[in-house]
């Protein structure tokens, strides 16, 4: 990777690392699915403004053959975000940060089977085993002590797997589909699904606070807007496994942010799991 690509990869990794903490703060004022569609609305607006400013809407139309992959991407993204928000709601911000950011390791495993030429080497396999061993240790401690966050941890782990699958899907789709279509498909399908489902199953009222506004703005403008645009541009030029080298900062930054902002305790099991995931990401990128 060149210097510009590396710098952008580090920047979006830092922003993503803190995202679980921001989600956790937003969940104090809005239920999980409602918070998700708020993020999608803001993110979709940002994407539209970016597309309009860069004249990417010129001649914009969805071809018949594109509907199926775009809808599938939107559904995959929606399920992943539902699992992310629900799991984060049920666990701590620090746990969510480690388990969700494990997707960088999942991505390397999936890329081995789904992307031609992106093969698992001995060193990558060692990284996968190191990262997964840290997560096993974390879950063992949860089960042994009967932690109330166990269910949330399981759901966030599933969200990480889905995020890895979406990353590989995007890496393939961005080679043949307009990035604007990919981004808008996620925002439109996600908003439509979550508005309906949230209305049906989330009767709790929304508390309109500055904290909620900041959380939605961070998720919508920086994560759904800026980060997704930059990530798609990086995926167009670099392999997912090459980008994983820079994603090792995500769990570290997330745990630090959780401790500083949310007040999560830094237990030995948590720190060891974080270190294992970071080392695993580093090894799998080589």
Protein backbone atom coordinates (compact mmCIF):
# COMPACT_ATOMS: atom_id res chain seq x y z
CA UNK A 1 0.00 0.00 0.00
CA UNK A 2 1.15 3.55 -0.69
CA UNK A 3 1.34 6.24 1.98
CA UNK A 4 -1.98 7.88 1.10
CA UNK A 5 -3.86 4.57 1.22
CA UNK A 6 -2.23 3.63 4.51
CA UNK A 7 -3.07 6.99 6.10
CA UNK A 8 -6.74 6.75 5.08
CA UNK A 9 -6.91 3.15 6.33
CA UNK A 10 -5.58 4.21 9.75
CA UNK A 11 -7.99 7.16 9.93
CA UNK A 12 -11.11 5.13 9.22
CA UNK A 13 -9.86 2.44 11.60
CA UNK A 14 -9.64 4.95 14.43
CA UNK A 15 -13.12 6.26 13.69
CA UNK A 16 -14.54 2.75 13.49
CA UNK A 17 -12.77 1.76 16.69
CA UNK A 18 -14.71 4.34 18.68
CA UNK A 19 -18.01 3.60 16.94
CA UNK A 20 -19.20 0.95 19.40
CA UNK A 21 -18.75 3.42 22.25
CA UNK A 22 -20.76 6.02 20.33
CA UNK A 23 -23.49 3.45 19.63
CA UNK A 24 -23.58 2.54 23.33
CA UNK A 25 -24.08 6.20 24.24
CA UNK A 26 -26.87 6.59 21.68
CA UNK A 27 -28.64 3.53 23.07
CA UNK A 28 -29.11 5.40 26.33
CA UNK A 29 -31.72 7.55 24.58
CA UNK A 30 -33.13 5.40 21.74
CA UNK A 31 -33.81 1.65 21.28
CA UNK A 32 -31.47 -0.34 18.97
CA UNK A 33 -33.47 -0.48 15.73
CA UNK A 34 -34.67 3.11 15.97
CA UNK A 35 -31.10 4.29 16.47
CA UNK A 36 -30.13 2.29 13.38
CA UNK A 37 -32.65 3.93 11.03
CA UNK A 38 -31.74 7.37 12.35
CA UNK A 39 -28.16 6.60 11.40
CA UNK A 40 -29.24 5.37 7.96
CA UNK A 41 -31.23 8.52 7.24
CA UNK A 42 -28.30 10.77 8.12
CA UNK A 43 -25.80 8.53 6.34
CA UNK A 44 -27.97 8.30 3.22
CA UNK A 45 -28.28 12.09 3.14
CA UNK A 46 -24.50 12.48 3.39
CA UNK A 47 -23.97 9.98 0.58
CA UNK A 48 -26.48 11.78 -1.64
CA UNK A 49 -24.76 15.12 -1.01
CA UNK A 50 -21.38 13.58 -1.82
CA UNK A 51 -22.72 11.98 -5.00
CA UNK A 52 -24.36 15.26 -6.06
CA UNK A 53 -21.20 17.30 -5.32
CA UNK A 54 -19.03 14.89 -7.31
CA UNK A 55 -21.62 14.68 -10.14
CA UNK A 56 -22.01 10.94 -9.67
CA UNK A 57 -25.76 11.22 -10.16
CA UNK A 58 -25.26 12.13 -13.83
CA UNK A 59 -26.98 9.39 -15.81
CA UNK A 60 -27.71 7.50 -12.61
CA UNK A 61 -29.99 4.49 -13.03
CA UNK A 62 -30.18 0.96 -11.68
CA UNK A 63 -29.99 -1.69 -14.38
CA UNK A 64 -32.31 -4.73 -14.09
CA UNK A 65 -29.37 -7.06 -13.48
CA UNK A 66 -28.21 -4.87 -10.56
CA UNK A 67 -31.35 -5.02 -8.45
CA UNK A 68 -30.70 -8.47 -6.98
CA UNK A 69 -27.13 -7.86 -5.69
CA UNK A 70 -28.08 -4.42 -4.38
CA UNK A 71 -31.11 -5.72 -2.46
CA UNK A 72 -29.09 -8.64 -1.11
CA UNK A 73 -26.41 -6.21 0.08
CA UNK A 74 -29.04 -4.01 1.73
CA UNK A 75 -30.58 -6.97 3.57
CA UNK A 76 -27.15 -8.26 4.67
CA UNK A 77 -26.23 -4.81 5.95
CA UNK A 78 -29.55 -4.47 7.79
CA UNK A 79 -29.20 -7.80 9.58
CA UNK A 80 -25.61 -6.99 10.50
CA UNK A 81 -26.57 -3.57 11.90
CA UNK A 82 -29.50 -5.02 13.83
CA UNK A 83 -27.15 -7.55 15.44
CA UNK A 84 -24.55 -4.83 16.12
CA UNK A 85 -26.94 -2.46 17.88
CA UNK A 86 -28.85 -5.15 19.76
CA UNK A 87 -25.66 -6.89 20.88
CA UNK A 88 -24.03 -3.62 21.94
CA UNK A 89 -27.19 -2.78 23.90
CA UNK A 90 -26.85 -6.06 25.83
CA UNK A 91 -23.09 -5.96 26.48
CA UNK A 92 -20.40 -3.45 27.38
CA UNK A 93 -18.84 -1.06 24.88
CA UNK A 94 -15.41 -2.63 25.43
CA UNK A 95 -16.65 -6.17 24.73
CA UNK A 96 -18.55 -4.98 21.65
CA UNK A 97 -15.46 -3.21 20.33
CA UNK A 98 -13.27 -6.32 20.56
CA UNK A 99 -15.84 -8.78 19.22
CA UNK A 100 -17.07 -6.60 16.37
CA UNK A 101 -13.58 -5.66 15.22
CA UNK A 102 -12.69 -9.33 15.02
CA UNK A 103 -14.33 -9.04 11.59
CA UNK A 104 -10.90 -8.15 10.17
CA UNK A 105 -9.76 -11.69 10.99
CA UNK A 106 -13.02 -13.22 9.76
CA UNK A 107 -12.50 -11.32 6.51
CA UNK A 108 -9.15 -12.99 5.89
CA UNK A 109 -10.70 -16.43 6.42
CA UNK A 110 -13.65 -15.71 4.13
CA UNK A 111 -11.43 -14.10 1.48
CA UNK A 112 -9.47 -17.35 1.28
CA UNK A 113 -12.60 -19.12 0.04
CA UNK A 114 -14.36 -16.32 -1.84
CA UNK A 115 -11.70 -14.10 -3.48
CA UNK A 116 -9.36 -15.70 -6.05
CA UNK A 117 -5.69 -15.34 -5.14
CA UNK A 118 -6.33 -14.14 -1.58
CA UNK A 119 -5.02 -17.31 0.08
CA UNK A 120 -4.35 -18.22 3.70
CA UNK A 121 -0.62 -18.60 4.41
CA UNK A 122 0.90 -20.27 7.46
CA UNK A 123 1.44 -16.86 9.09
CA UNK A 124 -2.13 -15.77 8.36
CA UNK A 125 -3.44 -19.01 9.82
CA UNK A 126 -1.35 -18.43 12.94
CA UNK A 127 -2.88 -14.97 13.25
CA UNK A 128 -6.37 -16.39 12.95
CA UNK A 129 -5.67 -18.92 15.71
CA UNK A 130 -4.16 -16.26 18.01
CA UNK A 131 -7.14 -13.93 17.57
CA UNK A 132 -9.70 -16.67 18.05
CA UNK A 133 -7.90 -17.99 21.14
CA UNK A 134 -8.30 -14.57 22.77
CA UNK A 135 -12.02 -14.62 22.09
CA UNK A 136 -12.32 -18.16 23.46
CA UNK A 137 -10.61 -16.96 26.64
CA UNK A 138 -13.02 -14.04 26.91
CA UNK A 139 -16.06 -16.26 26.44
CA UNK A 140 -14.72 -18.86 28.88
CA UNK A 141 -14.53 -16.21 31.57
CA UNK A 142 -18.06 -15.06 30.74
CA UNK A 143 -19.50 -18.58 30.97
CA UNK A 144 -17.57 -19.45 34.14
CA UNK A 145 -18.73 -16.38 36.03
CA UNK A 146 -22.23 -16.25 34.56
CA UNK A 147 -21.80 -12.76 33.14
CA UNK A 148 -25.00 -10.87 32.20
CA UNK A 149 -23.27 -9.65 29.02
CA UNK A 150 -22.87 -13.16 27.56
CA UNK A 151 -25.94 -12.97 25.28
CA UNK A 152 -24.86 -9.58 23.97
CA UNK A 153 -21.36 -10.91 23.34
CA UNK A 154 -22.74 -13.78 21.26
CA UNK A 155 -24.91 -11.44 19.19
CA UNK A 156 -22.01 -9.03 18.56
CA UNK A 157 -19.84 -11.97 17.51
CA UNK A 158 -22.48 -12.89 14.91
CA UNK A 159 -22.51 -9.24 13.82
CA UNK A 160 -18.74 -9.40 13.31
CA UNK A 161 -19.11 -12.47 11.09
CA UNK A 162 -21.79 -10.72 9.05
CA UNK A 163 -19.61 -7.61 8.77
CA UNK A 164 -16.76 -9.74 7.42
CA UNK A 165 -19.09 -11.32 4.86
CA UNK A 166 -20.31 -7.86 3.82
CA UNK A 167 -16.71 -6.64 3.47
CA UNK A 168 -15.88 -9.51 1.11
CA UNK A 169 -19.14 -9.01 -0.77
CA UNK A 170 -18.36 -5.31 -1.23
CA UNK A 171 -14.80 -6.08 -2.33
CA UNK A 172 -16.23 -8.16 -5.19
CA UNK A 173 -19.25 -5.97 -5.95
CA UNK A 174 -17.30 -2.68 -6.11
CA UNK A 175 -15.39 -4.04 -9.11
CA UNK A 176 -18.57 -4.09 -11.22
CA UNK A 177 -21.08 -1.79 -9.52
CA UNK A 178 -21.07 1.96 -8.90
CA UNK A 179 -20.05 2.72 -5.27
CA UNK A 180 -22.96 5.18 -4.99
CA UNK A 181 -25.41 2.40 -5.78
CA UNK A 182 -23.81 0.14 -3.18
CA UNK A 183 -23.91 2.81 -0.49
CA UNK A 184 -27.46 3.95 -1.25
CA UNK A 185 -28.74 0.37 -1.41
CA UNK A 186 -27.59 -0.16 2.17
CA UNK A 187 -29.08 3.12 3.38
CA UNK A 188 -32.43 2.78 1.56
CA UNK A 189 -33.07 -0.89 2.38
CA UNK A 190 -31.90 -0.43 5.97
CA UNK A 191 -34.08 2.62 6.56
CA UNK A 192 -37.20 0.98 5.08
CA UNK A 193 -36.77 -2.20 7.11
CA UNK A 194 -35.89 -0.60 10.42
CA UNK A 195 -38.59 2.07 10.34
CA UNK A 196 -41.24 -0.62 9.98
CA UNK A 197 -39.77 -3.14 12.41
CA UNK A 198 -38.95 -0.49 15.02
CA UNK A 199 -42.52 0.84 14.85
CA UNK A 200 -43.85 -2.68 15.48
CA UNK A 201 -41.54 -3.90 18.25
CA UNK A 202 -40.02 -0.86 19.99
CA UNK A 203 -42.65 1.03 22.01
CA UNK A 204 -40.09 2.80 24.21
CA UNK A 205 -40.01 6.60 23.66
CA UNK A 206 -37.01 8.44 22.27
CA UNK A 207 -35.26 10.95 24.50
CA UNK A 208 -34.13 13.79 22.24
CA UNK A 209 -30.86 14.79 23.89
CA UNK A 210 -27.61 16.34 22.71
CA UNK A 211 -25.96 12.99 23.40
CA UNK A 212 -28.34 11.25 20.99
CA UNK A 213 -27.78 13.95 18.36
CA UNK A 214 -24.01 13.59 18.63
CA UNK A 215 -24.25 9.79 18.43
CA UNK A 216 -26.45 9.86 15.32
CA UNK A 217 -24.25 12.51 13.67
CA UNK A 218 -21.08 10.51 14.35
CA UNK A 219 -22.59 7.29 13.02
CA UNK A 220 -24.33 8.92 10.07
CA UNK A 221 -21.79 11.50 8.89
CA UNK A 222 -18.49 9.87 9.81
CA UNK A 223 -19.26 6.14 9.74
CA UNK A 224 -22.11 5.67 7.23
CA UNK A 225 -20.91 8.57 5.11
CA UNK A 226 -17.20 9.34 5.20
CA UNK A 227 -15.90 5.94 6.32
CA UNK A 228 -18.01 3.94 3.88
CA UNK A 229 -17.00 6.14 0.94
CA UNK A 230 -13.31 5.87 1.82
CA UNK A 231 -13.56 2.14 2.55
CA UNK A 232 -15.12 1.42 -0.83
CA UNK A 233 -12.40 3.45 -2.53
CA UNK A 234 -9.75 1.44 -0.67
CA UNK A 235 -11.42 -1.87 -1.54
CA UNK A 236 -11.35 -0.86 -5.19
CA UNK A 237 -7.54 -0.62 -5.11
CA UNK A 238 -6.38 -3.01 -2.37
CA UNK A 239 -7.16 -6.53 -1.21
CA UNK A 240 -9.24 -6.84 2.00
CA UNK A 241 -6.41 -8.80 3.66
CA UNK A 242 -3.94 -5.97 2.90
CA UNK A 243 -6.23 -3.46 4.60
CA UNK A 244 -6.48 -5.69 7.66
CA UNK A 245 -2.96 -4.64 8.71
CA UNK A 246 -4.27 -1.19 9.56
CA UNK A 247 -7.44 -2.46 11.20
CA UNK A 248 -5.47 -3.86 14.16
CA UNK A 249 -5.84 -0.43 15.78
CA UNK A 250 -9.63 -0.74 15.93
CA UNK A 251 -10.04 -3.00 19.00
CA UNK A 252 -7.27 -1.16 20.85
CA UNK A 253 -8.75 2.26 20.20
CA UNK A 254 -12.24 0.95 20.99
CA UNK A 255 -11.23 -0.48 24.37
CA UNK A 256 -9.39 2.72 25.30
CA UNK A 257 -12.41 4.82 24.27
CA UNK A 258 -14.74 2.53 26.25
CA UNK A 259 -12.63 2.96 29.35
CA UNK A 260 -12.28 6.74 29.00
CA UNK A 261 -15.81 7.59 27.83
CA UNK A 262 -18.08 4.78 29.08
CA UNK A 263 -16.09 3.89 32.19
CA UNK A 264 -15.76 0.19 31.31
CA UNK A 265 -13.29 -1.65 33.58
CA UNK A 266 -10.15 -2.97 31.91
CA UNK A 267 -10.08 -6.54 33.27
CA UNK A 268 -7.16 -8.93 32.56
CA UNK A 269 -9.36 -11.14 30.35
CA UNK A 270 -10.50 -8.11 28.36
CA UNK A 271 -6.98 -6.78 27.83
CA UNK A 272 -5.66 -10.20 26.84
CA UNK A 273 -8.49 -10.69 24.35
CA UNK A 274 -7.87 -7.22 22.91
CA UNK A 275 -4.15 -7.94 22.53
CA UNK A 276 -4.85 -11.33 20.93
CA UNK A 277 -7.23 -9.80 18.38
CA UNK A 278 -4.77 -7.00 17.55
CA UNK A 279 -1.87 -9.45 17.14
CA UNK A 280 -4.09 -11.76 15.09
CA UNK A 281 -5.06 -8.94 12.76
CA UNK A 282 -1.42 -7.99 12.36
CA UNK A 283 -0.35 -11.54 11.52
CA UNK A 284 -3.21 -12.21 9.12
CA UNK A 285 -2.25 -9.12 7.11
CA UNK A 286 1.24 -10.43 6.33
